[in-house]
N, C-alpha and C. Protein backbone atom coordinates (compact mmCIF):
# COMPACT_ATOMS: atom_id res chain seq x y z
N MET A 1 1.17 -1.30 -0.13
CA MET A 1 0.07 -0.09 0.16
C MET A 1 0.74 1.16 0.30
N ARG A 2 0.64 2.21 -0.66
CA ARG A 2 1.28 3.28 -0.81
C ARG A 2 0.67 4.37 0.52
N GLN A 3 1.59 5.24 0.74
CA GLN A 3 1.19 5.90 2.09
C GLN A 3 0.50 6.54 2.08
N VAL A 4 -0.93 6.51 2.95
CA VAL A 4 -1.84 7.45 2.93
C VAL A 4 -1.81 8.15 4.22
N THR A 5 -1.89 9.52 4.16
CA THR A 5 -2.08 10.04 5.57
C THR A 5 -3.46 10.89 5.62
N ILE A 6 -3.54 11.25 6.97
CA ILE A 6 -4.78 11.72 7.61
C ILE A 6 -4.92 13.13 7.07
N LYS A 7 -5.87 14.04 6.66
CA LYS A 7 -5.46 15.13 6.37
C LYS A 7 -6.52 16.24 7.39
N SER A 8 -7.62 15.31 7.89
CA SER A 8 -8.16 16.04 8.95
C SER A 8 -9.38 15.07 9.79
N ILE A 9 -9.51 15.35 10.94
CA ILE A 9 -10.53 14.57 11.54
C ILE A 9 -11.16 15.62 12.22
N ASN A 10 -12.49 15.58 12.22
CA ASN A 10 -13.86 16.40 12.68
C ASN A 10 -14.84 15.70 13.45
N PHE A 11 -15.69 16.18 14.12
CA PHE A 11 -16.63 15.51 15.22
C PHE A 11 -17.87 16.60 14.78
N ILE A 12 -18.65 15.96 13.76
CA ILE A 12 -19.79 16.70 13.07
C ILE A 12 -20.65 16.09 13.65
N ASP A 13 -22.17 16.22 14.27
CA ASP A 13 -23.45 15.80 14.31
C ASP A 13 -22.98 14.41 14.88
N LYS A 14 -22.50 14.25 16.06
CA LYS A 14 -22.35 13.04 16.61
C LYS A 14 -21.67 11.86 16.16
N GLN A 15 -20.35 12.08 15.30
CA GLN A 15 -19.70 11.23 15.11
C GLN A 15 -18.41 11.74 14.76
N ILE A 16 -17.41 11.23 14.17
CA ILE A 16 -16.14 11.70 13.96
C ILE A 16 -16.28 11.06 12.36
N THR A 17 -15.55 12.40 11.84
CA THR A 17 -15.35 12.03 10.19
C THR A 17 -14.10 12.12 10.28
N ILE A 18 -13.37 11.12 8.86
CA ILE A 18 -11.95 11.54 8.61
C ILE A 18 -11.75 11.63 7.43
N PHE A 19 -10.87 12.70 7.19
CA PHE A 19 -10.48 12.74 5.65
C PHE A 19 -8.90 12.75 5.56
N PHE A 20 -8.87 12.13 4.57
CA PHE A 20 -7.21 11.44 3.95
C PHE A 20 -6.70 12.63 2.64
N GLU A 21 -5.15 12.57 2.48
CA GLU A 21 -4.83 13.78 1.75
C GLU A 21 -5.00 12.85 0.34
N GLN A 22 -4.81 11.59 -0.19
CA GLN A 22 -4.96 11.05 -0.62
C GLN A 22 -6.18 9.76 -1.05
N ASP A 23 -6.49 9.73 -2.03
CA ASP A 23 -7.65 8.88 -2.40
C ASP A 23 -6.93 7.19 -2.49
N TRP A 24 -7.96 6.41 -1.29
CA TRP A 24 -7.30 5.24 -1.33
C TRP A 24 -8.22 4.27 -1.93
N PHE A 25 -7.67 2.70 -1.68
CA PHE A 25 -9.00 1.90 -2.67
C PHE A 25 -9.29 0.80 -1.38
N GLN A 26 -10.31 0.10 -1.69
CA GLN A 26 -10.65 -0.57 -0.89
C GLN A 26 -9.65 -1.77 0.07
N GLU A 27 -9.06 -2.45 -0.88
CA GLU A 27 -7.74 -2.91 -0.30
C GLU A 27 -6.97 -2.56 0.41
N ASP A 28 -7.26 -1.16 0.84
CA ASP A 28 -6.12 0.00 1.81
C ASP A 28 -6.97 -0.10 2.80
N ILE A 29 -8.14 -0.54 3.19
CA ILE A 29 -8.79 -0.13 4.12
C ILE A 29 -7.96 -1.10 5.19
N GLY A 30 -8.08 -2.26 5.39
CA GLY A 30 -7.13 -2.85 6.46
C GLY A 30 -6.17 -1.80 7.24
N GLU A 31 -5.06 -1.65 6.23
CA GLU A 31 -4.24 -0.82 6.69
C GLU A 31 -4.65 0.56 7.52
N LEU A 32 -5.75 1.34 7.00
CA LEU A 32 -6.18 2.54 7.18
C LEU A 32 -7.32 2.04 8.32
N SER A 33 -7.57 1.08 8.90
CA SER A 33 -8.37 0.72 10.40
C SER A 33 -7.12 0.91 11.21
N GLN A 34 -6.18 0.02 10.83
CA GLN A 34 -5.55 0.12 11.73
C GLN A 34 -4.61 0.89 12.32
N SER A 35 -4.33 1.87 11.19
CA SER A 35 -3.70 3.25 11.64
C SER A 35 -4.46 4.50 12.79
N ILE A 36 -5.84 4.31 12.27
CA ILE A 36 -7.05 4.88 12.68
C ILE A 36 -6.93 3.96 14.45
N LEU A 37 -7.59 2.70 14.68
CA LEU A 37 -7.19 1.81 15.44
C LEU A 37 -6.30 1.88 16.47
N LYS A 38 -5.13 1.94 16.26
CA LYS A 38 -4.05 2.21 17.21
C LYS A 38 -3.69 3.36 17.63
N ARG A 39 -4.63 4.67 17.52
CA ARG A 39 -4.74 5.86 18.58
C ARG A 39 -5.49 5.76 19.53
N ILE A 40 -6.71 4.32 19.30
CA ILE A 40 -7.32 4.31 20.46
C ILE A 40 -7.09 3.08 21.25
N PRO A 41 -6.26 3.54 22.60
CA PRO A 41 -5.91 2.65 23.47
C PRO A 41 -6.96 1.61 23.88
N ASP A 42 -6.13 0.53 23.91
CA ASP A 42 -7.52 -0.69 24.91
C ASP A 42 -8.26 -1.06 24.23
N ASN A 43 -8.82 -0.65 22.65
CA ASN A 43 -10.08 -1.18 21.87
C ASN A 43 -9.73 -2.64 21.63
N GLU A 44 -11.36 -2.72 21.46
CA GLU A 44 -11.16 -4.40 21.23
C GLU A 44 -12.18 -4.76 19.82
N ILE A 45 -11.83 -5.14 18.95
CA ILE A 45 -12.31 -5.39 17.54
C ILE A 45 -13.54 -6.32 17.77
N LYS A 46 -14.57 -6.29 17.72
CA LYS A 46 -15.58 -7.53 17.78
C LYS A 46 -16.08 -7.99 16.42
N GLU A 47 -16.12 -7.11 15.72
CA GLU A 47 -16.52 -7.73 14.41
C GLU A 47 -16.17 -6.77 13.10
N SER A 48 -16.12 -7.55 11.87
CA SER A 48 -15.77 -6.41 10.48
C SER A 48 -16.69 -7.10 9.79
N THR A 49 -17.76 -6.05 9.25
CA THR A 49 -18.38 -6.79 7.78
C THR A 49 -17.86 -6.08 6.86
N TYR A 50 -17.79 -7.04 5.57
CA TYR A 50 -17.68 -6.71 4.31
C TYR A 50 -18.53 -6.52 3.30
N GLY A 51 -18.47 -5.15 2.28
CA GLY A 51 -19.54 -5.21 1.48
C GLY A 51 -18.83 -5.11 0.37
N ALA A 52 -19.49 -4.88 -0.89
CA ALA A 52 -19.23 -4.81 -2.11
C ALA A 52 -18.22 -3.12 -2.29
N ASP A 53 -18.53 -2.17 -1.21
CA ASP A 53 -17.46 -0.87 -1.61
C ASP A 53 -17.57 -0.75 -0.13
N ARG A 54 -17.69 -1.15 0.73
CA ARG A 54 -18.05 -0.57 2.20
C ARG A 54 -17.72 -1.59 3.03
N GLU A 55 -16.64 -1.36 4.21
CA GLU A 55 -16.63 -1.93 5.34
C GLU A 55 -16.52 -1.32 6.56
N ASP A 56 -17.28 -2.22 7.46
CA ASP A 56 -17.68 -1.69 8.84
C ASP A 56 -16.68 -2.48 9.67
N ILE A 57 -16.15 -1.99 10.75
CA ILE A 57 -15.78 -2.75 11.99
C ILE A 57 -16.08 -1.90 13.37
N ARG A 58 -16.80 -3.00 14.20
CA ARG A 58 -17.11 -3.12 15.21
C ARG A 58 -16.33 -3.22 16.26
N PHE A 59 -15.94 -2.05 16.82
CA PHE A 59 -15.30 -2.25 18.24
C PHE A 59 -15.86 -1.49 19.58
N GLN A 60 -14.92 -2.29 20.72
CA GLN A 60 -15.24 -2.00 22.16
C GLN A 60 -14.53 -1.25 22.36
N TRP A 61 -14.56 -0.16 23.46
CA TRP A 61 -13.58 0.66 24.22
C TRP A 61 -14.14 1.18 25.38
N GLN A 62 -13.77 0.99 26.69
CA GLN A 62 -14.14 1.39 27.88
C GLN A 62 -15.66 1.11 27.87
N HIS A 63 -16.09 -0.03 27.68
CA HIS A 63 -18.01 -0.46 27.86
C HIS A 63 -18.70 0.45 27.02
N ALA A 64 -18.21 0.93 26.00
CA ALA A 64 -18.86 1.18 24.88
C ALA A 64 -18.49 0.77 23.58
N ALA A 65 -19.44 0.73 23.14
CA ALA A 65 -19.49 0.07 20.74
C ALA A 65 -19.50 0.78 19.99
N PHE A 66 -18.73 1.09 19.14
CA PHE A 66 -18.51 2.04 17.98
C PHE A 66 -18.37 1.43 16.59
N MET A 67 -18.50 1.80 15.80
CA MET A 67 -18.73 1.31 14.55
C MET A 67 -17.68 2.41 13.57
N LEU A 68 -16.40 1.68 13.05
CA LEU A 68 -15.58 2.58 12.31
C LEU A 68 -15.99 2.26 10.71
N ASN A 69 -16.26 3.01 10.14
CA ASN A 69 -16.99 2.65 8.56
C ASN A 69 -16.16 2.93 7.80
N PHE A 70 -16.19 2.45 6.08
CA PHE A 70 -15.33 3.09 5.08
C PHE A 70 -16.32 2.80 4.23
N ASP A 71 -16.28 3.74 3.46
CA ASP A 71 -16.99 3.48 1.94
C ASP A 71 -16.08 4.14 0.91
N TYR A 72 -15.82 3.13 -0.10
CA TYR A 72 -14.94 3.37 -1.11
C TYR A 72 -15.10 4.72 -1.73
N TYR A 73 -16.26 4.09 -2.41
CA TYR A 73 -17.30 4.98 -3.75
C TYR A 73 -17.22 6.67 -3.09
N SER A 74 -17.39 6.56 -1.57
CA SER A 74 -17.46 8.32 -1.90
C SER A 74 -15.90 8.64 -0.67
N GLN A 75 -15.13 7.27 -0.94
CA GLN A 75 -13.94 8.27 0.03
C GLN A 75 -14.17 8.09 1.20
N SER A 76 -15.23 8.05 2.05
CA SER A 76 -15.73 8.22 3.34
C SER A 76 -15.34 7.43 4.32
N CYS A 77 -14.96 7.76 5.54
CA CYS A 77 -14.31 7.33 6.74
C CYS A 77 -14.94 7.96 7.69
N TRP A 78 -15.84 7.07 8.76
CA TRP A 78 -16.18 7.75 9.84
C TRP A 78 -16.50 7.01 11.04
N ILE A 79 -16.39 7.70 12.17
CA ILE A 79 -16.58 6.71 13.71
C ILE A 79 -18.00 6.98 14.25
N SER A 80 -18.63 6.13 14.34
CA SER A 80 -20.35 6.53 15.11
C SER A 80 -20.37 5.73 16.31
N ALA A 81 -21.28 5.86 17.13
CA ALA A 81 -21.81 4.75 18.16
C ALA A 81 -22.22 4.19 17.64
N HIS A 82 -22.35 2.54 18.39
CA HIS A 82 -23.09 1.40 17.77
C HIS A 82 -24.67 1.72 18.33
N SER A 83 -24.67 2.47 19.35
CA SER A 83 -26.02 2.29 19.92
C SER A 83 -26.18 3.86 20.61
N GLU A 84 -27.56 4.68 21.12
CA GLU A 84 -27.78 5.85 21.71
C GLU A 84 -27.35 5.62 23.21
N MET A 85 -27.10 4.56 23.74
CA MET A 85 -26.34 4.19 25.09
C MET A 85 -25.00 4.80 24.99
N ASP A 86 -24.21 4.62 23.60
CA ASP A 86 -22.67 4.60 23.57
C ASP A 86 -22.36 6.14 23.02
N THR A 87 -23.58 6.67 22.51
CA THR A 87 -23.13 8.28 22.16
C THR A 87 -22.58 8.87 22.91
N PRO A 88 -22.49 9.31 24.18
CA PRO A 88 -22.13 10.23 24.94
C PRO A 88 -20.48 9.80 24.89
N HIS A 89 -19.91 8.45 24.71
CA HIS A 89 -18.72 8.13 24.81
C HIS A 89 -17.85 8.56 23.83
N ILE A 90 -18.62 8.94 22.33
CA ILE A 90 -17.96 9.26 21.31
C ILE A 90 -17.12 10.64 21.23
N GLU A 91 -17.32 11.41 21.89
CA GLU A 91 -16.45 12.99 21.86
C GLU A 91 -15.16 12.71 22.72
N ARG A 92 -15.15 11.50 23.38
CA ARG A 92 -14.00 11.16 24.40
C ARG A 92 -12.90 10.36 23.12
N ILE A 93 -13.74 9.63 22.61
CA ILE A 93 -12.99 8.84 21.34
C ILE A 93 -12.41 10.00 20.38
N PHE A 94 -13.09 11.00 20.28
CA PHE A 94 -12.46 12.06 19.27
C PHE A 94 -11.47 12.58 19.76
N ASN A 95 -11.51 13.03 20.86
CA ASN A 95 -10.44 13.57 21.94
C ASN A 95 -8.94 12.98 21.76
N ILE A 96 -9.28 11.45 21.63
CA ILE A 96 -8.11 10.82 22.10
C ILE A 96 -7.51 10.90 20.79
N ILE A 97 -7.91 10.82 19.47
CA ILE A 97 -7.68 10.66 18.40
C ILE A 97 -6.89 12.07 18.01
N THR A 98 -7.35 12.76 18.40
CA THR A 98 -7.06 14.24 17.60
C THR A 98 -5.63 14.65 18.65
N GLN A 99 -5.58 14.03 19.78
CA GLN A 99 -4.27 14.04 20.46
C GLN A 99 -3.15 13.48 20.20
N SER A 100 -3.45 12.31 19.53
CA SER A 100 -2.41 11.06 19.13
C SER A 100 -2.05 12.09 17.55
N HIS A 101 -2.99 12.87 16.93
CA HIS A 101 -2.89 13.50 15.46
C HIS A 101 -1.48 14.20 15.30
């Protein structure tokens, strides 16, 4: 994989959006997800779902569940809370990711 760097990380409407400097391919998602998840200490991947142009990774962090989502066609990447109960914790994830950015 060629080097793909993060351009910006934003917190909008209770979700974290991640933009990359370069376009990426679906086969890059494994490395992209690792580079994002390594910024979140002690996370635990629970499930990965693969689609035609989309991949979702459900992970747990501090007793809350989140989804790391990738959509290849729109070049979109975002993290959202898995449920309403987990939503209050999403801003803490944002703070952790941006501190290590």
